[in-house]
Amino acid sequence: MEPIPAAPLERYVTDDVRQMRAYPEQPPIIPHSIEGYQLSVNANRCLSCHKRENSLGTGAPMISITHFMTREGQMLADVSPRRYFCTQCHVPQADTEALVKNTFTDMADMGTETAGDQ
């Protein structure tokens, strides 16, 4: 029952550079700090920059049109309640070692040619 020192906290990548997605449906990684962001039923700080009407003025990428759709594909005037809590899919990138070995190979590295390269 002796006290032991806590492991250091991970350092988040905060360079604001968008990362390439590893697979087609991967949610984008958050390239900036979200420490202190309020994300609750009553407030979502992410939307202050990424909502359609705010993105032009802030330079932030607009949230996907899919975030305005219901499960049935009906378009809404505002963000769908099921897409409101951003961090259920999007996470900040931490500068850490991988927890498990990863053998993922990106499609671009598999020797295939893209359309129009012939």
N, C-alpha and C. Protein backbone atom coordinates (compact mmCIF):
# COMPACT_ATOMS: atom_id res chain seq x y z
N MET A 1 0.82 -1.20 0.00
CA MET A 1 0.00 0.00 0.00
C MET A 1 0.86 1.26 0.00
N GLU A 2 2.03 1.18 -0.59
CA GLU A 2 2.87 2.36 -0.67
C GLU A 2 2.43 3.24 -1.84
N PRO A 3 2.51 4.54 -1.67
CA PRO A 3 2.15 5.41 -2.80
C PRO A 3 3.20 5.29 -3.91
N ILE A 4 2.71 5.29 -5.13
CA ILE A 4 3.61 5.25 -6.29
C ILE A 4 3.33 6.48 -7.15
N PRO A 5 4.33 6.97 -7.84
CA PRO A 5 4.10 8.16 -8.67
C PRO A 5 3.17 7.84 -9.85
N ALA A 6 2.34 8.79 -10.17
CA ALA A 6 1.42 8.63 -11.30
C ALA A 6 2.18 8.75 -12.61
N ALA A 7 1.71 8.04 -13.61
CA ALA A 7 2.30 8.14 -14.94
C ALA A 7 2.05 9.55 -15.48
N PRO A 8 2.98 10.09 -16.25
CA PRO A 8 2.76 11.44 -16.80
C PRO A 8 1.56 11.44 -17.75
N LEU A 9 0.86 12.55 -17.79
CA LEU A 9 -0.26 12.69 -18.71
C LEU A 9 0.25 12.76 -20.14
N GLU A 10 -0.55 12.25 -21.07
CA GLU A 10 -0.15 12.30 -22.47
C GLU A 10 -0.15 13.73 -22.96
N ARG A 11 0.70 13.99 -23.93
CA ARG A 11 0.74 15.31 -24.56
C ARG A 11 -0.11 15.25 -25.81
N TYR A 12 -1.04 16.18 -25.94
CA TYR A 12 -1.89 16.21 -27.12
C TYR A 12 -1.21 16.99 -28.23
N VAL A 13 -1.41 16.55 -29.45
CA VAL A 13 -0.91 17.26 -30.62
C VAL A 13 -1.82 18.47 -30.81
N THR A 14 -1.24 19.65 -30.79
CA THR A 14 -2.03 20.88 -30.87
C THR A 14 -1.52 21.80 -31.97
N ASP A 15 -1.03 21.21 -33.06
CA ASP A 15 -0.46 22.03 -34.13
C ASP A 15 -1.49 22.53 -35.13
N ASP A 16 -2.75 22.15 -34.95
CA ASP A 16 -3.86 22.58 -35.81
C ASP A 16 -3.70 22.12 -37.27
N VAL A 17 -2.92 21.07 -37.49
CA VAL A 17 -2.75 20.51 -38.82
C VAL A 17 -3.67 19.31 -38.95
N ARG A 18 -4.52 19.31 -39.97
CA ARG A 18 -5.43 18.18 -40.16
C ARG A 18 -4.66 16.93 -40.52
N GLN A 19 -5.03 15.82 -39.89
CA GLN A 19 -4.39 14.53 -40.13
C GLN A 19 -5.13 13.77 -41.23
N MET A 20 -4.38 13.00 -41.99
CA MET A 20 -4.97 12.14 -43.00
C MET A 20 -5.76 11.04 -42.29
N ARG A 21 -6.90 10.69 -42.83
CA ARG A 21 -7.70 9.61 -42.24
C ARG A 21 -7.12 8.27 -42.64
N ALA A 22 -7.20 7.31 -41.74
CA ALA A 22 -6.64 5.98 -41.98
C ALA A 22 -7.58 5.12 -42.82
N TYR A 23 -8.87 5.38 -42.77
CA TYR A 23 -9.85 4.62 -43.53
C TYR A 23 -11.02 5.54 -43.90
N PRO A 24 -11.79 5.20 -44.93
CA PRO A 24 -12.79 6.13 -45.49
C PRO A 24 -13.82 6.69 -44.52
N GLU A 25 -14.33 5.92 -43.60
CA GLU A 25 -15.39 6.41 -42.71
C GLU A 25 -14.86 6.85 -41.35
N GLN A 26 -13.55 7.01 -41.20
CA GLN A 26 -12.98 7.42 -39.92
C GLN A 26 -13.38 8.84 -39.60
N PRO A 27 -13.87 9.09 -38.38
CA PRO A 27 -14.14 10.48 -38.00
C PRO A 27 -12.83 11.25 -37.93
N PRO A 28 -12.81 12.51 -38.37
CA PRO A 28 -11.58 13.29 -38.29
C PRO A 28 -11.10 13.43 -36.84
N ILE A 29 -9.78 13.48 -36.68
CA ILE A 29 -9.18 13.68 -35.37
C ILE A 29 -9.17 15.17 -35.08
N ILE A 30 -9.34 15.54 -33.82
CA ILE A 30 -9.34 16.95 -33.41
C ILE A 30 -7.88 17.40 -33.33
N PRO A 31 -7.44 18.35 -34.18
CA PRO A 31 -6.03 18.74 -34.20
C PRO A 31 -5.68 19.92 -33.27
N HIS A 32 -6.47 20.11 -32.23
CA HIS A 32 -6.21 21.20 -31.28
C HIS A 32 -6.68 20.79 -29.90
N SER A 33 -6.27 21.53 -28.91
CA SER A 33 -6.65 21.22 -27.53
C SER A 33 -8.14 21.50 -27.33
N ILE A 34 -8.79 20.62 -26.58
CA ILE A 34 -10.19 20.85 -26.21
C ILE A 34 -10.32 20.91 -24.68
N GLU A 35 -9.18 21.08 -24.02
CA GLU A 35 -9.19 21.18 -22.56
C GLU A 35 -10.02 22.39 -22.15
N GLY A 36 -10.95 22.17 -21.24
CA GLY A 36 -11.80 23.25 -20.76
C GLY A 36 -13.04 23.49 -21.62
N TYR A 37 -13.19 22.76 -22.72
CA TYR A 37 -14.38 22.93 -23.56
C TYR A 37 -15.60 22.40 -22.81
N GLN A 38 -16.68 23.15 -22.86
CA GLN A 38 -17.92 22.67 -22.27
C GLN A 38 -18.67 21.89 -23.33
N LEU A 39 -19.06 20.69 -22.97
CA LEU A 39 -19.82 19.83 -23.87
C LEU A 39 -20.88 19.13 -23.04
N SER A 40 -22.06 19.72 -23.02
CA SER A 40 -23.15 19.20 -22.21
C SER A 40 -24.46 19.36 -22.99
N VAL A 41 -25.54 18.96 -22.38
CA VAL A 41 -26.85 19.09 -23.02
C VAL A 41 -27.16 20.55 -23.32
N ASN A 42 -26.65 21.45 -22.49
CA ASN A 42 -26.96 22.88 -22.64
C ASN A 42 -25.95 23.67 -23.44
N ALA A 43 -24.75 23.13 -23.66
CA ALA A 43 -23.72 23.89 -24.35
C ALA A 43 -22.78 22.97 -25.12
N ASN A 44 -22.33 23.44 -26.29
CA ASN A 44 -21.36 22.69 -27.09
C ASN A 44 -20.41 23.71 -27.69
N ARG A 45 -19.22 23.84 -27.10
CA ARG A 45 -18.26 24.85 -27.57
C ARG A 45 -17.76 24.56 -28.97
N CYS A 46 -17.74 23.30 -29.38
CA CYS A 46 -17.28 22.95 -30.73
C CYS A 46 -18.09 23.68 -31.79
N LEU A 47 -19.39 23.79 -31.55
CA LEU A 47 -20.28 24.41 -32.54
C LEU A 47 -20.02 25.90 -32.70
N SER A 48 -19.38 26.54 -31.72
CA SER A 48 -19.11 27.97 -31.85
C SER A 48 -18.15 28.25 -33.01
N CYS A 49 -17.37 27.26 -33.42
CA CYS A 49 -16.48 27.42 -34.59
C CYS A 49 -16.89 26.56 -35.79
N HIS A 50 -17.40 25.36 -35.54
CA HIS A 50 -17.61 24.40 -36.61
C HIS A 50 -19.03 24.36 -37.19
N LYS A 51 -19.97 25.04 -36.56
CA LYS A 51 -21.33 25.09 -37.10
C LYS A 51 -21.31 25.84 -38.43
N ARG A 52 -22.18 25.47 -39.34
CA ARG A 52 -22.18 26.03 -40.69
C ARG A 52 -22.09 27.55 -40.71
N GLU A 53 -22.92 28.22 -39.95
CA GLU A 53 -22.96 29.68 -40.00
C GLU A 53 -21.75 30.34 -39.33
N ASN A 54 -20.94 29.58 -38.59
CA ASN A 54 -19.77 30.15 -37.92
C ASN A 54 -18.46 29.78 -38.60
N SER A 55 -18.45 28.73 -39.40
CA SER A 55 -17.19 28.19 -39.92
C SER A 55 -16.47 29.14 -40.88
N LEU A 56 -17.19 29.91 -41.64
CA LEU A 56 -16.53 30.83 -42.58
C LEU A 56 -15.73 31.89 -41.83
N GLY A 57 -16.29 32.44 -40.79
CA GLY A 57 -15.62 33.48 -40.03
C GLY A 57 -14.47 32.98 -39.18
N THR A 58 -14.52 31.72 -38.77
CA THR A 58 -13.47 31.18 -37.89
C THR A 58 -12.38 30.45 -38.66
N GLY A 59 -12.67 30.04 -39.89
CA GLY A 59 -11.70 29.26 -40.67
C GLY A 59 -11.71 27.78 -40.30
N ALA A 60 -12.58 27.38 -39.41
CA ALA A 60 -12.67 25.98 -39.00
C ALA A 60 -13.48 25.21 -40.05
N PRO A 61 -13.17 23.92 -40.26
CA PRO A 61 -13.98 23.16 -41.21
C PRO A 61 -15.41 23.00 -40.69
N MET A 62 -16.36 23.12 -41.60
CA MET A 62 -17.77 22.97 -41.24
C MET A 62 -18.06 21.50 -40.93
N ILE A 63 -18.91 21.27 -39.95
CA ILE A 63 -19.30 19.89 -39.65
C ILE A 63 -20.02 19.30 -40.85
N SER A 64 -19.90 18.01 -40.99
CA SER A 64 -20.44 17.30 -42.15
C SER A 64 -21.96 17.44 -42.23
N ILE A 65 -22.45 17.42 -43.44
CA ILE A 65 -23.90 17.48 -43.69
C ILE A 65 -24.61 16.30 -43.02
N THR A 66 -23.89 15.20 -42.84
CA THR A 66 -24.49 14.02 -42.19
C THR A 66 -24.88 14.31 -40.75
N HIS A 67 -24.30 15.32 -40.14
CA HIS A 67 -24.61 15.66 -38.75
C HIS A 67 -25.95 16.38 -38.62
N PHE A 68 -26.56 16.70 -39.76
CA PHE A 68 -27.86 17.36 -39.78
C PHE A 68 -28.98 16.40 -40.19
N MET A 69 -28.69 15.10 -40.21
CA MET A 69 -29.67 14.11 -40.68
C MET A 69 -30.15 13.23 -39.53
N THR A 70 -31.41 12.83 -39.62
CA THR A 70 -31.94 11.86 -38.66
C THR A 70 -31.53 10.47 -39.11
N ARG A 71 -31.84 9.46 -38.31
CA ARG A 71 -31.55 8.07 -38.69
C ARG A 71 -32.24 7.67 -39.99
N GLU A 72 -33.38 8.30 -40.25
CA GLU A 72 -34.16 7.99 -41.45
C GLU A 72 -33.71 8.80 -42.66
N GLY A 73 -32.70 9.65 -42.50
CA GLY A 73 -32.20 10.44 -43.62
C GLY A 73 -32.89 11.77 -43.82
N GLN A 74 -33.78 12.15 -42.92
CA GLN A 74 -34.48 13.44 -43.02
C GLN A 74 -33.53 14.56 -42.60
N MET A 75 -33.48 15.63 -43.39
CA MET A 75 -32.60 16.76 -43.09
C MET A 75 -33.22 17.65 -42.02
N LEU A 76 -32.39 18.12 -41.10
CA LEU A 76 -32.82 19.01 -40.03
C LEU A 76 -32.19 20.38 -40.22
N ALA A 77 -32.76 21.39 -39.59
CA ALA A 77 -32.21 22.75 -39.67
C ALA A 77 -31.03 22.93 -38.73
N ASP A 78 -30.89 22.08 -37.74
CA ASP A 78 -29.80 22.18 -36.77
C ASP A 78 -29.16 20.80 -36.59
N VAL A 79 -28.10 20.74 -35.83
CA VAL A 79 -27.37 19.49 -35.61
C VAL A 79 -28.30 18.46 -34.97
N SER A 80 -28.26 17.25 -35.50
CA SER A 80 -29.07 16.16 -34.98
C SER A 80 -28.68 15.85 -33.54
N PRO A 81 -29.64 15.58 -32.67
CA PRO A 81 -29.31 15.25 -31.28
C PRO A 81 -28.35 14.07 -31.16
N ARG A 82 -28.41 13.13 -32.08
CA ARG A 82 -27.51 11.97 -31.99
C ARG A 82 -26.09 12.31 -32.43
N ARG A 83 -25.87 13.48 -33.00
CA ARG A 83 -24.53 13.91 -33.42
C ARG A 83 -24.04 15.11 -32.62
N TYR A 84 -24.74 15.47 -31.56
CA TYR A 84 -24.45 16.68 -30.79
C TYR A 84 -23.20 16.55 -29.92
N PHE A 85 -22.94 15.36 -29.37
CA PHE A 85 -21.81 15.16 -28.47
C PHE A 85 -20.60 14.73 -29.29
N CYS A 86 -19.83 15.69 -29.75
CA CYS A 86 -18.74 15.48 -30.71
C CYS A 86 -17.73 14.43 -30.28
N THR A 87 -17.39 14.41 -28.99
CA THR A 87 -16.32 13.52 -28.53
C THR A 87 -16.76 12.06 -28.41
N GLN A 88 -17.99 11.74 -28.79
CA GLN A 88 -18.35 10.33 -28.85
C GLN A 88 -17.73 9.68 -30.08
N CYS A 89 -17.32 10.48 -31.07
CA CYS A 89 -16.64 9.97 -32.27
C CYS A 89 -15.29 10.62 -32.50
N HIS A 90 -15.19 11.93 -32.26
CA HIS A 90 -13.96 12.68 -32.54
C HIS A 90 -13.13 12.78 -31.26
N VAL A 91 -11.82 12.57 -31.40
CA VAL A 91 -10.91 12.62 -30.25
C VAL A 91 -9.70 13.46 -30.59
N PRO A 92 -9.10 14.12 -29.57
CA PRO A 92 -7.84 14.80 -29.84
C PRO A 92 -6.73 13.77 -30.02
N GLN A 93 -5.74 14.11 -30.81
CA GLN A 93 -4.62 13.20 -31.08
C GLN A 93 -3.58 13.34 -29.98
N ALA A 94 -3.28 12.25 -29.30
CA ALA A 94 -2.25 12.26 -28.26
C ALA A 94 -0.93 11.78 -28.85
N ASP A 95 0.17 12.37 -28.39
CA ASP A 95 1.51 12.00 -28.83
C ASP A 95 2.01 10.88 -27.91
N THR A 96 1.59 9.64 -28.20
CA THR A 96 1.93 8.50 -27.36
C THR A 96 2.34 7.31 -28.22
N GLU A 97 2.93 6.34 -27.56
CA GLU A 97 3.24 5.08 -28.22
C GLU A 97 1.95 4.28 -28.39
N ALA A 98 1.90 3.46 -29.41
CA ALA A 98 0.73 2.60 -29.63
C ALA A 98 0.62 1.59 -28.50
N LEU A 99 -0.62 1.32 -28.06
CA LEU A 99 -0.84 0.35 -27.00
C LEU A 99 -0.70 -1.08 -27.50
N VAL A 100 -1.05 -1.30 -28.76
CA VAL A 100 -0.93 -2.62 -29.37
C VAL A 100 -0.25 -2.48 -30.72
N LYS A 101 0.36 -3.55 -31.18
CA LYS A 101 1.03 -3.52 -32.48
C LYS A 101 -0.01 -3.28 -33.57
N ASN A 102 0.33 -2.43 -34.52
CA ASN A 102 -0.59 -2.08 -35.59
C ASN A 102 0.05 -2.45 -36.93
N THR A 103 -0.64 -3.28 -37.69
CA THR A 103 -0.13 -3.68 -39.00
C THR A 103 -0.96 -3.08 -40.12
N PHE A 104 -1.70 -2.01 -39.82
CA PHE A 104 -2.55 -1.37 -40.81
C PHE A 104 -1.73 -0.86 -41.99
N THR A 105 -2.22 -1.10 -43.20
CA THR A 105 -1.59 -0.59 -44.42
C THR A 105 -2.61 0.28 -45.15
N ASP A 106 -2.25 1.51 -45.39
CA ASP A 106 -3.14 2.42 -46.10
C ASP A 106 -3.30 1.93 -47.54
N MET A 107 -4.48 2.13 -48.12
CA MET A 107 -4.75 1.69 -49.49
C MET A 107 -3.76 2.30 -50.47
N ALA A 108 -3.33 3.54 -50.22
CA ALA A 108 -2.40 4.21 -51.13
C ALA A 108 -1.04 3.52 -51.15
N ASP A 109 -0.73 2.79 -50.09
CA ASP A 109 0.56 2.10 -50.00
C ASP A 109 0.51 0.66 -50.51
N MET A 110 -0.64 0.22 -51.03
CA MET A 110 -0.80 -1.17 -51.45
C MET A 110 -0.45 -1.39 -52.91
N GLY A 111 0.06 -0.37 -53.57
CA GLY A 111 0.47 -0.53 -54.95
C GLY A 111 -0.62 -0.33 -55.97
N THR A 112 -1.77 0.16 -55.53
CA THR A 112 -2.84 0.40 -56.49
C THR A 112 -2.67 1.79 -57.07
N GLU A 113 -3.13 1.96 -58.30
CA GLU A 113 -3.07 3.27 -58.93
C GLU A 113 -4.42 3.95 -58.78
N THR A 114 -4.39 5.26 -58.64
CA THR A 114 -5.64 6.01 -58.52
C THR A 114 -6.19 6.28 -59.91
N ALA A 115 -7.48 6.54 -59.98
CA ALA A 115 -8.13 6.83 -61.25
C ALA A 115 -7.48 8.03 -61.90
N GLY A 116 -7.22 7.95 -63.18
CA GLY A 116 -6.64 9.05 -63.92
C GLY A 116 -5.12 9.02 -63.98
N ASP A 117 -4.49 8.02 -63.34
CA ASP A 117 -3.03 7.92 -63.35
C ASP A 117 -2.49 7.23 -64.60
N GLN A 118 -3.39 6.63 -65.41
CA GLN A 118 -2.91 5.89 -66.57
C GLN A 118 -2.54 6.84 -67.69
